[in-house]
Amino acid sequence: MPKHARGVCAAAAAGLALSALGPGMAADAATSGAIPGSVVGGRLYNVAANSANDVWAVGLNDNGSLVMHWNGSAWTSTSTGLGFLYDVATTGASNAWAVGWTDYNNTLILHWNGTSWS
């Protein structure tokens, strides 16, 4: 079974990522779909988890597409400035793929190689 799956596995990954946000913030994010302002402004569309220490979340913020990563102790985030990201999949710490659309309705596909997105 792929690391990123629909249904129960996706719900478990989302729960894992939201629980990492901390008490109170996870409930706000789960009910509104918004990322808590104390983490980063924006909206999450999908989450993929390779392990409890390797969770990716993608979406949209004011600066464009949003990519967040949980390493087991902290979230890091980046905005690519390229439209928005709708889905993410991962098979390991150095292999993640994110897809979405640019501001001009062109397909956007990004790959994480362990160091940077391209």
N, C-alpha and C. Protein backbone atom coordinates (compact mmCIF):
# COMPACT_ATOMS: atom_id res chain seq x y z
N MET A 1 0.84 -1.17 0.00
CA MET A 1 0.00 0.00 0.00
C MET A 1 0.89 1.24 0.00
N PRO A 2 0.59 2.25 -0.82
CA PRO A 2 1.41 3.46 -0.84
C PRO A 2 1.34 4.20 0.48
N LYS A 3 2.42 4.96 0.76
CA LYS A 3 2.49 5.72 2.01
C LYS A 3 1.40 6.77 2.07
N HIS A 4 0.99 7.28 0.91
CA HIS A 4 -0.07 8.28 0.86
C HIS A 4 -1.29 7.61 0.28
N ALA A 5 -2.31 7.45 1.08
CA ALA A 5 -3.52 6.77 0.62
C ALA A 5 -4.74 7.56 1.02
N ARG A 6 -5.81 7.33 0.32
CA ARG A 6 -7.07 8.01 0.62
C ARG A 6 -7.75 7.33 1.80
N GLY A 7 -8.85 7.90 2.26
CA GLY A 7 -9.69 7.28 3.28
C GLY A 7 -9.06 7.26 4.65
N VAL A 8 -9.03 6.09 5.27
CA VAL A 8 -8.60 5.93 6.65
C VAL A 8 -7.15 6.36 6.84
N CYS A 9 -6.25 5.97 5.92
CA CYS A 9 -4.84 6.33 6.06
C CYS A 9 -4.64 7.84 5.97
N ALA A 10 -5.35 8.49 5.04
CA ALA A 10 -5.24 9.94 4.92
C ALA A 10 -5.78 10.63 6.17
N ALA A 11 -6.87 10.11 6.71
CA ALA A 11 -7.43 10.69 7.93
C ALA A 11 -6.46 10.53 9.09
N ALA A 12 -5.80 9.38 9.17
CA ALA A 12 -4.82 9.16 10.24
C ALA A 12 -3.64 10.11 10.09
N ALA A 13 -3.17 10.32 8.85
CA ALA A 13 -2.07 11.24 8.61
C ALA A 13 -2.46 12.66 8.98
N ALA A 14 -3.67 13.05 8.63
CA ALA A 14 -4.15 14.39 8.96
C ALA A 14 -4.24 14.56 10.48
N GLY A 15 -4.73 13.53 11.16
CA GLY A 15 -4.81 13.59 12.62
C GLY A 15 -3.44 13.70 13.26
N LEU A 16 -2.49 12.96 12.73
CA LEU A 16 -1.11 13.02 13.23
C LEU A 16 -0.54 14.42 13.05
N ALA A 17 -0.72 14.99 11.88
CA ALA A 17 -0.19 16.32 11.61
C ALA A 17 -0.88 17.37 12.47
N LEU A 18 -2.19 17.29 12.59
CA LEU A 18 -2.92 18.27 13.39
C LEU A 18 -2.57 18.14 14.87
N SER A 19 -2.39 16.91 15.35
CA SER A 19 -2.04 16.75 16.76
C SER A 19 -0.67 17.35 17.05
N ALA A 20 0.19 17.39 16.05
CA ALA A 20 1.51 17.97 16.23
C ALA A 20 1.44 19.48 16.41
N LEU A 21 0.33 20.09 15.99
CA LEU A 21 0.17 21.53 16.15
C LEU A 21 0.00 21.92 17.61
N GLY A 22 -0.46 20.98 18.42
CA GLY A 22 -0.62 21.25 19.84
C GLY A 22 -2.07 21.38 20.24
N PRO A 23 -2.36 21.31 21.53
CA PRO A 23 -3.73 21.39 22.03
C PRO A 23 -4.37 22.72 21.64
N GLY A 24 -5.63 22.67 21.32
CA GLY A 24 -6.37 23.88 20.98
C GLY A 24 -6.20 24.25 19.52
N MET A 25 -4.97 24.32 19.05
CA MET A 25 -4.74 24.70 17.65
C MET A 25 -5.22 23.60 16.72
N ALA A 26 -5.08 22.32 17.12
CA ALA A 26 -5.52 21.23 16.27
C ALA A 26 -7.02 21.27 16.08
N ALA A 27 -7.76 21.57 17.14
CA ALA A 27 -9.22 21.64 17.02
C ALA A 27 -9.62 22.77 16.09
N ASP A 28 -8.99 23.92 16.20
CA ASP A 28 -9.30 25.04 15.30
C ASP A 28 -9.01 24.67 13.86
N ALA A 29 -7.87 24.05 13.60
CA ALA A 29 -7.50 23.68 12.24
C ALA A 29 -8.43 22.62 11.69
N ALA A 30 -8.82 21.67 12.52
CA ALA A 30 -9.67 20.59 12.04
C ALA A 30 -11.07 21.08 11.70
N THR A 31 -11.59 22.02 12.47
CA THR A 31 -12.95 22.48 12.22
C THR A 31 -13.04 23.56 11.17
N SER A 32 -12.03 24.38 11.02
CA SER A 32 -12.12 25.49 10.07
C SER A 32 -11.36 25.22 8.78
N GLY A 33 -10.43 24.26 8.79
CA GLY A 33 -9.59 24.01 7.64
C GLY A 33 -8.43 24.98 7.56
N ALA A 34 -8.39 25.97 8.44
CA ALA A 34 -7.33 26.97 8.41
C ALA A 34 -6.16 26.54 9.29
N ILE A 35 -5.00 26.95 8.91
CA ILE A 35 -3.82 26.70 9.71
C ILE A 35 -3.79 27.76 10.81
N PRO A 36 -3.60 27.38 12.06
CA PRO A 36 -3.59 28.37 13.14
C PRO A 36 -2.58 29.48 12.88
N GLY A 37 -2.98 30.72 13.16
CA GLY A 37 -2.14 31.88 12.89
C GLY A 37 -0.80 31.85 13.61
N SER A 38 -0.73 31.16 14.76
CA SER A 38 0.54 31.11 15.47
C SER A 38 1.55 30.21 14.77
N VAL A 39 1.09 29.38 13.84
CA VAL A 39 2.01 28.54 13.08
C VAL A 39 2.35 29.25 11.78
N VAL A 40 1.36 29.51 10.96
CA VAL A 40 1.53 30.23 9.70
C VAL A 40 0.13 30.49 9.15
N GLY A 41 -0.09 31.63 8.50
CA GLY A 41 -1.40 31.92 7.94
C GLY A 41 -1.62 31.15 6.66
N GLY A 42 -2.82 30.64 6.45
CA GLY A 42 -3.12 29.94 5.22
C GLY A 42 -4.15 28.86 5.40
N ARG A 43 -4.21 27.96 4.44
CA ARG A 43 -5.18 26.88 4.45
C ARG A 43 -4.51 25.60 3.96
N LEU A 44 -4.71 24.51 4.69
CA LEU A 44 -4.18 23.21 4.29
C LEU A 44 -5.20 22.48 3.42
N TYR A 45 -4.73 21.82 2.37
CA TYR A 45 -5.60 21.01 1.53
C TYR A 45 -5.34 19.53 1.66
N ASN A 46 -4.10 19.14 1.97
CA ASN A 46 -3.82 17.71 2.11
C ASN A 46 -2.58 17.49 2.96
N VAL A 47 -2.49 16.28 3.52
CA VAL A 47 -1.40 15.89 4.40
C VAL A 47 -0.93 14.49 4.02
N ALA A 48 0.37 14.26 4.05
CA ALA A 48 0.93 12.92 3.85
C ALA A 48 1.99 12.68 4.91
N ALA A 49 1.97 11.48 5.50
CA ALA A 49 2.93 11.15 6.55
C ALA A 49 3.69 9.89 6.16
N ASN A 50 4.99 9.99 6.20
CA ASN A 50 5.85 8.83 6.01
C ASN A 50 6.11 8.15 7.35
N SER A 51 6.17 8.97 8.41
CA SER A 51 6.36 8.48 9.77
C SER A 51 5.93 9.61 10.71
N ALA A 52 6.00 9.36 12.01
CA ALA A 52 5.65 10.40 12.98
C ALA A 52 6.62 11.57 12.94
N ASN A 53 7.79 11.38 12.35
CA ASN A 53 8.80 12.44 12.25
C ASN A 53 8.98 12.95 10.83
N ASP A 54 8.06 12.62 9.95
CA ASP A 54 8.17 13.04 8.55
C ASP A 54 6.76 13.23 7.99
N VAL A 55 6.19 14.41 8.25
CA VAL A 55 4.82 14.72 7.83
C VAL A 55 4.86 15.96 6.95
N TRP A 56 4.20 15.89 5.81
CA TRP A 56 4.11 17.02 4.87
C TRP A 56 2.67 17.48 4.78
N ALA A 57 2.46 18.78 4.72
CA ALA A 57 1.14 19.36 4.52
C ALA A 57 1.27 20.44 3.45
N VAL A 58 0.29 20.52 2.56
CA VAL A 58 0.34 21.51 1.48
C VAL A 58 -0.96 22.28 1.41
N GLY A 59 -0.88 23.48 0.84
CA GLY A 59 -2.06 24.30 0.68
C GLY A 59 -1.73 25.63 0.06
N LEU A 60 -2.29 26.68 0.67
CA LEU A 60 -2.23 28.01 0.10
C LEU A 60 -2.14 29.03 1.22
N ASN A 61 -1.32 30.07 1.03
CA ASN A 61 -1.33 31.22 1.93
C ASN A 61 -1.29 32.49 1.08
N ASP A 62 -1.15 33.66 1.71
CA ASP A 62 -1.16 34.92 0.98
C ASP A 62 -0.02 35.07 -0.01
N ASN A 63 1.04 34.30 0.16
CA ASN A 63 2.20 34.40 -0.71
C ASN A 63 2.23 33.36 -1.82
N GLY A 64 1.23 32.51 -1.90
CA GLY A 64 1.19 31.46 -2.92
C GLY A 64 1.09 30.10 -2.30
N SER A 65 1.62 29.10 -2.99
CA SER A 65 1.53 27.74 -2.49
C SER A 65 2.30 27.60 -1.18
N LEU A 66 1.76 26.78 -0.29
CA LEU A 66 2.30 26.61 1.04
C LEU A 66 2.72 25.15 1.23
N VAL A 67 3.94 24.94 1.70
CA VAL A 67 4.44 23.61 2.04
C VAL A 67 4.90 23.66 3.49
N MET A 68 4.37 22.74 4.31
CA MET A 68 4.79 22.64 5.70
C MET A 68 5.35 21.25 5.95
N HIS A 69 6.39 21.18 6.79
CA HIS A 69 6.99 19.88 7.13
C HIS A 69 7.15 19.76 8.64
N TRP A 70 6.73 18.62 9.18
CA TRP A 70 6.89 18.29 10.59
C TRP A 70 8.02 17.29 10.71
N ASN A 71 9.05 17.60 11.49
CA ASN A 71 10.21 16.70 11.64
C ASN A 71 10.20 15.95 12.97
N GLY A 72 9.10 16.00 13.67
CA GLY A 72 9.00 15.31 14.96
C GLY A 72 9.08 16.26 16.14
N SER A 73 9.61 17.46 15.90
CA SER A 73 9.70 18.42 17.00
C SER A 73 9.24 19.83 16.61
N ALA A 74 9.25 20.14 15.32
CA ALA A 74 8.83 21.49 14.90
C ALA A 74 8.34 21.48 13.46
N TRP A 75 7.46 22.43 13.17
CA TRP A 75 7.00 22.66 11.81
C TRP A 75 7.92 23.69 11.15
N THR A 76 8.25 23.45 9.89
CA THR A 76 8.89 24.47 9.06
C THR A 76 7.95 24.71 7.90
N SER A 77 7.98 25.90 7.36
CA SER A 77 7.09 26.19 6.24
C SER A 77 7.81 27.02 5.20
N THR A 78 7.32 26.90 3.98
CA THR A 78 7.83 27.70 2.89
C THR A 78 6.68 28.00 1.95
N SER A 79 6.79 29.11 1.27
CA SER A 79 5.82 29.48 0.26
C SER A 79 6.56 29.59 -1.05
N THR A 80 6.09 28.89 -2.08
CA THR A 80 6.78 28.90 -3.35
C THR A 80 6.38 30.08 -4.23
N GLY A 81 5.26 30.74 -3.90
CA GLY A 81 4.80 31.86 -4.71
C GLY A 81 4.19 31.43 -6.03
N LEU A 82 3.91 30.15 -6.17
CA LEU A 82 3.41 29.61 -7.44
C LEU A 82 2.00 29.05 -7.29
N GLY A 83 0.97 29.85 -7.29
CA GLY A 83 -0.38 29.34 -7.22
C GLY A 83 -0.68 28.64 -5.91
N PHE A 84 -1.25 27.43 -5.99
CA PHE A 84 -1.51 26.68 -4.76
C PHE A 84 -1.31 25.20 -4.98
N LEU A 85 -1.03 24.50 -3.87
CA LEU A 85 -0.82 23.06 -3.89
C LEU A 85 -2.03 22.36 -3.30
N TYR A 86 -2.45 21.28 -3.94
CA TYR A 86 -3.68 20.59 -3.55
C TYR A 86 -3.44 19.20 -2.98
N ASP A 87 -2.33 18.57 -3.31
CA ASP A 87 -2.10 17.21 -2.84
C ASP A 87 -0.60 16.99 -2.64
N VAL A 88 -0.26 16.02 -1.79
CA VAL A 88 1.14 15.70 -1.49
C VAL A 88 1.26 14.20 -1.24
N ALA A 89 2.40 13.64 -1.63
CA ALA A 89 2.70 12.23 -1.37
C ALA A 89 4.18 12.13 -0.99
N THR A 90 4.51 11.14 -0.16
CA THR A 90 5.90 10.97 0.27
C THR A 90 6.24 9.49 0.44
N THR A 91 7.48 9.14 0.13
CA THR A 91 7.96 7.78 0.37
C THR A 91 9.19 7.78 1.25
N GLY A 92 9.60 8.96 1.71
CA GLY A 92 10.77 9.05 2.57
C GLY A 92 11.20 10.48 2.76
N ALA A 93 12.16 10.68 3.65
CA ALA A 93 12.60 12.03 4.00
C ALA A 93 13.20 12.79 2.81
N SER A 94 13.64 12.08 1.78
CA SER A 94 14.23 12.76 0.63
C SER A 94 13.42 12.55 -0.64
N ASN A 95 12.12 12.25 -0.49
CA ASN A 95 11.30 12.05 -1.67
C ASN A 95 9.85 12.40 -1.38
N ALA A 96 9.44 13.59 -1.78
CA ALA A 96 8.05 14.01 -1.65
C ALA A 96 7.64 14.71 -2.94
N TRP A 97 6.38 14.54 -3.31
CA TRP A 97 5.82 15.18 -4.50
C TRP A 97 4.59 15.96 -4.10
N ALA A 98 4.43 17.15 -4.65
CA ALA A 98 3.26 17.98 -4.40
C ALA A 98 2.71 18.46 -5.74
N VAL A 99 1.39 18.49 -5.86
CA VAL A 99 0.76 18.92 -7.11
C VAL A 99 -0.31 19.96 -6.83
N GLY A 100 -0.56 20.79 -7.81
CA GLY A 100 -1.58 21.82 -7.72
C GLY A 100 -1.68 22.59 -9.01
N TRP A 101 -1.99 23.90 -8.89
CA TRP A 101 -2.16 24.77 -10.06
C TRP A 101 -1.40 26.07 -9.86
N THR A 102 -0.92 26.64 -10.95
CA THR A 102 -0.29 27.95 -10.90
C THR A 102 -1.39 29.01 -10.94
N ASP A 103 -1.00 30.26 -10.83
CA ASP A 103 -1.96 31.36 -10.91
C ASP A 103 -2.62 31.45 -12.28
N TYR A 104 -2.03 30.81 -13.27
CA TYR A 104 -2.55 30.85 -14.63
C TYR A 104 -3.22 29.54 -15.03
N ASN A 105 -3.68 28.76 -14.04
CA ASN A 105 -4.35 27.48 -14.24
C ASN A 105 -3.51 26.45 -14.99
N ASN A 106 -2.21 26.52 -14.84
CA ASN A 106 -1.33 25.49 -15.36
C ASN A 106 -1.03 24.50 -14.25
N THR A 107 -0.82 23.26 -14.61
CA THR A 107 -0.48 22.23 -13.63
C THR A 107 0.85 22.56 -12.96
N LEU A 108 0.90 22.39 -11.65
CA LEU A 108 2.11 22.63 -10.88
C LEU A 108 2.51 21.32 -10.22
N ILE A 109 3.73 20.85 -10.49
CA ILE A 109 4.26 19.63 -9.88
C ILE A 109 5.62 19.97 -9.28
N LEU A 110 5.76 19.73 -7.98
CA LEU A 110 7.02 20.01 -7.28
C LEU A 110 7.55 18.71 -6.67
N HIS A 111 8.88 18.58 -6.64
CA HIS A 111 9.52 17.43 -6.04
C HIS A 111 10.52 17.87 -4.97
N TRP A 112 10.47 17.23 -3.80
CA TRP A 112 11.42 17.46 -2.71
C TRP A 112 12.48 16.36 -2.78
N ASN A 113 13.75 16.75 -2.86
CA ASN A 113 14.84 15.77 -2.98
C ASN A 113 15.62 15.60 -1.68
N GLY A 114 15.11 16.15 -0.59
CA GLY A 114 15.79 16.07 0.69
C GLY A 114 16.47 17.37 1.06
N THR A 115 16.65 18.24 0.06
CA THR A 115 17.31 19.53 0.27
C THR A 115 16.45 20.70 -0.18
N SER A 116 15.81 20.56 -1.34
CA SER A 116 15.03 21.68 -1.88
C SER A 116 13.90 21.16 -2.76
N TRP A 117 12.92 22.04 -3.02
CA TRP A 117 11.82 21.77 -3.93
C TRP A 117 12.20 22.24 -5.32
N SER A 118 11.87 21.47 -6.33
CA SER A 118 12.09 21.90 -7.72
C SER A 118 10.89 21.49 -8.55
